[in-house]
Structures are given as C-alpha cells and as structure tokens.
Amino acid sequence: MNKNFKILISIFVISLISQSGFSQSIGDNNLIGQDEGLRTITTAVPFLMIAPDSRSGAMGDAGVATTPDAYSMHWNPSKYAFIKNDIGGSISYTPWLKKLVDDINLAYLNGYYRIDKNQVVAGSLLYFDLGSITFTDETGGILQNYNPHELSFDLSYSRLLSRHFSGSLAARYIYSNLTGGTYVSNEQSHAGKSIAMDVSAYYQNDIKFFDKNANLAFGMNISNIGSKIDYTDNTKNFIPINLKLGSALTTQIDDYNSIMVTVDFNKLLVPTSPIYAIDSLNDYIKDENGNQVIAYGKKPNVSVPVGMFQSFYDAPGILESDGTRNVFKEELQEVTYSIGAEYWYAKQFAIRAGYFHENALKGNRKYFTAGLGIRFNVFGLDFAYLIPTGNQVNNPLAETLRFSLIFNFDNMNAQSEPK
C-alpha cells in the first residue's frame, strides 16, 4: 500500500462518515469524561472550503467583507457589484500535502464581466487533483490505477441594490470521483454529484476614522446550499453548507498608504453528531426499529433544510461540573474565526498577515498566515504562506508557498487601443 493510497483512503473515509464518524457515546453510569473528546463536524467534498486564492489565504482565510477583487466569487460574489473594473479574472495554484507528496494540488480559475453599472456576472472553476493512486486488494494485488479528482463549476449574478448595498445569487455544480468505481466493503462506489447555490450580501460606506477617510464594509454569504452527495447507494452525506459573516475597515492614511483590517466568522450549517446511549456492556442501545438511541443531541439523518436550522441548536452540549449540558457553549465552539490585515503602498505593493482559529474540540486548526501582493498595469501577483501553531505541524499547507495571478483586462484593452 503506497503513501498516496493511504492519503486517498483517509480522505474517502472522512467523506463517507460525515454524520456519524465522530459521534460519542455515554452510559447512565458514566456521564463525565467519556464523551468529552473530539467532536469534529465533517462533510463530503471539504475541498469547497479551502481558500483558493493567495490574497485571503495570507489574511487568515478572511474574505467575505474585504475590498472587491477578482477572487470575490469564492468569498462573496455580491462584492462584484462594487468592483471598479469592468472585466477581469484570476488563476490560483495551491500545492496540497506538499511535505508528503508532490502530485496533489488545488487549481482555481475565475472571471467576471460587468453588464452595466448595476449588474455583474461571474464564473469559476475549482479543481482538486489528488494525484495518481494505485488501488490494491487485501492480498496486495493491483486492481487499477486511477487519478481521483473533485471539481466545482460556479456561475453568479450580482446586482447593486442601492448606493451602498448589493446582493448576489450563485449556482454551483459539484463533482467528486475519489475511487473510480472501486468496490468499498463489497459495495461498488461511484462519483458523487450535487447542485448547490450561494446567497450573499455586501454593504459598504465611506466614513471618517480618526479624521482619516475610511470605508466600512459588512459581508454575508450562505454557501453550498444544496443536495446531499453519495458515493455508494446506501450513504448520503451533507455538503459543507456554511454561514460566513464578516466586516472590514479600510483606512486611507495618506495619498500613498492604506491599511485594511478584517474579521470573518464561519459556522457549518449541517447537523452535529449526537451522543448515542450505551448499556452496561458498552453496547449501543437500540429502539424497536433497530436504530441507535440518542442520549444527547438531535437526529443527524434529516433533510437539508431541517439540518440547516437544526445546526443552531443540535449540539449534545458541553458537560458542566454540575452534570448539566451547555448546548449554547458547544454551538459557539463550532464557530471559527479569521483575523487579517492588509497594507498597501501606492496601490502597487501589499503586505498581509492573519490568523485562523478553530476550537480544539471541533478540529483544532490554528495557524498564522502571511503574504505579499504586487500590482502592475495589466496583471498582479499574490503570494501566501501558512505557519501552523501548536500541534498543527502536519497542516496540509504547512511550509507551502501559494500563488495567484490576477488580470485586469480593462487596462489590457486600453493599452492595445491606438493613441
């Protein structure tokens, strides 16, 4: 079994166990400690949540309320309504697990076009390549060689609704083929497919901040609202429906210097795995229909709309010293936050930094980020670097340099016109 195969199996297993794999159990006589371990919320196609661009990647993965740019398609398409250029695009490349293998990567391509002063359309393609995999049977015999891959194709429409407010709708097609039809537990697998949409909004207004000209912005994006995805006939998994809220303050220090600070909050709108009851022999207690009895939390196998609303109150709860369970406290633990800053000199050179935080019981991702940006007349380059903290030394992006290339086709056309 080669290294690539182990990585693929890990990713595939995570995709298949999105509702039950991290559930914990308790018994009536053992309420303290047994269920207080890691309760990570997992979903299928987690690649949709990876920051595809180096600008936001350098600011702790914050981007829902930052100033509009070509990358807005992933973070908040409604920002396109305020973008200054009429046509543009970007290309990004992100090596994945570079310290282990050299053939897994995430590629991103997008573009936008202004129809008129109020309307902008955009599209993007996100492609996740998991490298070459050799599938073997239990005896080590080769079954097939395959290149697992996942992709999403997006289209969005953004409109200016007032002088300071815009909204957007985006449609997304998701395709995930991790096994190439290989049998898993005597059941043939197949590619997962789903259709989803994003609903987003953006508000920005010019203000005075310590007697300096500034811009205050707020952003909201509910992304990946869509059907469940399945890799076998008997298992359906939620895709990463996500609520993102954020704000950004951009201050013009003088004619050449400006600085932006931003913060994002994210919460997955999918069910939290419950805690199932066990008996004195540590066996799961089942009802008359053979289903495991839930001791704390809510039923995870629900419809997409129910799961979205239920995600705000379905956590089993943190066990307090008095024996009660604090559901609200665990729901707060499911919120991740990103803090970022960006400094521009003469709108040509940028320095960026950020921090991402996830609760220790919900995944424990914590890392600092840093990066640079440079703008020329027609194109620009952005770079990002991730620095894991604590025990996050095995972060897939640790010690990896990411880059993005952004295009301003308005200036390209202006240069080509005869003087």
Foldseek 3Di string as FASTA:
>chain_A
DDPLQVVLVVLVVLAQCQFPPQAFADAPVGQPDRRPFFFAHTHHPCVLVDQFAQVCQQQQNDDQWDQDDQSCVSRFVQNVLVDDFFKWWKKWKAAWLVVRDGAWIKIKIKMKGHPDNFKIKMKMKIKTWSGWDFDADPVRHTDDIDTWMKMKIKMKMKGDPDPFKIKMKMKMKIKGDSDPQDDDPNFTWGIKIKIFMKIKMKGKDWDADPNFIKMKMKMKMFTGLIFWIGGTPPTTTGDFGKIKIKMKMKTDPDQFKIKMKMKMKMAGLAAGHAHFYAYPVRHFDADPVRHGHGPFFDDRPDGSVVSRVSLQQGYRADQDPVRDGHRNVVSVLRMKMKIKMWMGGNNFKIKMKIWIAHHPSHPGWTWIKIWMKGDDQFKIKIKMAIDGDDPCCSHRRHRHIIMMMMGRVVSVVVVPDDD
